[in-house]
Protein backbone atom coordinates (compact mmCIF):
# COMPACT_ATOMS: atom_id res chain seq x y z
CA MET A 1 12.69 8.88 8.79
CA PHE A 2 14.65 5.91 7.42
CA VAL A 3 14.25 2.37 8.58
CA LEU A 4 17.04 -0.01 7.76
CA GLU A 5 16.77 -3.79 7.73
CA ILE A 6 19.16 -6.51 6.70
CA ALA A 7 17.29 -9.04 4.58
CA GLU A 8 18.44 -12.37 3.20
CA ARG A 9 22.13 -12.69 2.32
CA ASP A 10 23.06 -9.25 3.64
CA VAL A 11 20.79 -7.22 1.38
CA VAL A 12 20.22 -3.84 3.05
CA VAL A 13 16.61 -2.71 2.75
CA LEU A 14 15.86 0.99 3.24
CA TYR A 15 12.35 2.25 3.89
CA PRO A 16 12.53 6.00 3.26
CA GLY A 17 9.14 6.91 4.72
CA ARG A 18 6.28 8.95 3.30
CA VAL A 19 8.21 11.98 2.01
CA LEU A 20 11.86 12.17 1.04
CA GLY A 21 12.71 15.86 0.83
CA LYS A 22 15.75 17.96 0.07
CA GLU A 23 16.67 17.97 3.75
CA ASN A 24 16.92 14.15 3.69
CA LEU A 25 19.54 13.86 0.94
CA ARG A 26 22.49 14.21 3.29
CA ASP A 27 21.02 11.56 5.60
CA ILE A 28 20.47 9.00 2.87
CA ARG A 29 23.91 9.68 1.38
CA GLN A 30 25.50 9.18 4.80
CA LEU A 31 23.51 6.01 5.43
CA LEU A 32 24.51 4.47 2.09
CA GLU A 33 28.16 5.43 2.58
CA ASP A 34 28.22 4.04 6.13
CA CYS A 35 26.78 0.73 4.94
CA GLU A 36 29.26 0.60 2.06
CA ARG A 37 32.16 1.19 4.48
CA ARG A 38 30.90 -1.81 6.44
CA GLY A 39 31.14 -3.94 3.31
CA LYS A 40 27.47 -3.88 2.30
CA ARG A 41 27.10 -3.93 -1.47
CA ARG A 42 23.45 -4.88 -2.09
CA PHE A 43 20.63 -2.41 -1.45
CA VAL A 44 16.89 -2.27 -1.97
CA LEU A 45 14.95 0.96 -1.49
CA ASP A 46 11.32 0.17 -0.74
CA PHE A 47 9.21 3.09 -1.96
CA SER A 48 5.86 1.34 -1.42
CA LYS A 49 4.85 3.84 1.29
CA THR A 50 6.62 6.86 -0.21
CA GLU A 51 4.38 9.56 -1.67
CA HIS A 52 6.98 12.10 -2.79
CA VAL A 53 10.73 12.37 -3.37
CA TYR A 54 12.89 15.40 -4.00
CA TYR A 55 13.96 15.16 -7.64
CA ARG A 56 17.70 15.33 -6.84
CA LEU A 57 17.42 11.98 -5.09
CA ALA A 58 17.65 10.40 -8.55
CA ASP A 59 21.19 11.81 -8.99
CA LEU A 60 22.28 10.47 -5.62
CA LEU A 61 20.82 7.01 -6.23
CA ALA A 62 22.27 6.80 -9.75
CA HIS A 63 25.72 7.70 -8.39
CA HIS A 64 25.56 4.96 -5.76
CA LYS A 65 24.06 2.45 -8.19
CA ASN A 66 26.93 2.98 -10.64
CA LYS A 67 29.52 2.80 -7.87
CA LEU A 68 28.02 -0.40 -6.48
CA SER A 69 27.71 -1.98 -9.93
CA ALA A 70 31.43 -1.42 -10.47
CA GLU A 71 32.04 -3.32 -7.21
CA ASN A 72 29.70 -6.25 -8.04
CA GLY A 73 26.95 -4.73 -5.92
CA SER A 74 23.45 -3.57 -6.67
CA LEU A 75 20.90 -0.92 -5.82
CA VAL A 76 17.33 -1.73 -6.88
CA LEU A 77 13.97 -0.15 -6.18
CA ALA A 78 10.71 -1.70 -5.01
CA GLY A 79 7.17 -0.35 -4.99
CA VAL A 80 7.79 2.71 -7.16
CA SER A 81 4.47 4.46 -7.83
CA PRO A 82 3.67 5.99 -11.23
CA TYR A 83 4.07 9.43 -9.62
CA LEU A 84 7.60 8.65 -8.36
CA LYS A 85 8.46 7.08 -11.71
CA ASP A 86 7.36 10.33 -13.38
CA ILE A 87 9.75 12.29 -11.14
CA PHE A 88 12.67 10.00 -12.04
CA THR A 89 11.73 10.21 -15.73
CA ALA A 90 11.46 14.01 -15.68
CA VAL A 91 15.08 14.31 -14.52
CA GLY A 92 16.42 11.75 -16.99
CA TYR A 93 16.52 8.63 -14.81
CA GLY A 94 13.34 6.89 -15.94
CA ASP A 95 15.16 3.74 -17.04
CA ALA A 96 18.24 4.01 -14.82
CA PHE A 97 17.10 1.65 -12.08
CA GLU A 98 15.89 -1.90 -11.84
CA GLU A 99 12.39 -1.64 -10.40
CA TYR A 100 10.25 -4.37 -8.87
CA ASP A 101 6.62 -4.36 -7.85
CA ASN A 102 7.23 -5.89 -4.45
CA LEU A 103 9.95 -6.10 -1.84
CA ALA A 104 10.40 -9.88 -1.93
CA GLU A 105 11.13 -9.84 -5.66
CA ALA A 106 13.52 -6.89 -5.29
CA VAL A 107 15.47 -8.57 -2.48
CA HIS A 108 15.73 -11.77 -4.51
CA GLU A 109 16.98 -9.90 -7.59
CA ALA A 110 19.44 -7.81 -5.56
CA ASN A 111 21.16 -11.08 -4.69
CA CYS A 112 21.62 -12.12 -8.32
């Protein structure tokens, strides 16, 4: 389901897979919280291969983004398709996240 990788300078990259459904919210919450407990503060979610996300994911990501920002961390998105962007926009989070076209750019910006 989720693949986790540590990129340059301890940026955690999450690859959520093709579909991120309601049943995956607990898993992604737990994964983010576990990484945060280990001192990780910079995250990139690579949605380049993701076709659909459950709309409540936006709430979860916004919560963690705000928490990380308060701790000098970051949570940015890469490879967000127009369809996924429409989902985030429909639930009020269209402009809530820094989004990058590719993973390399997102990892670089997560370090800034």
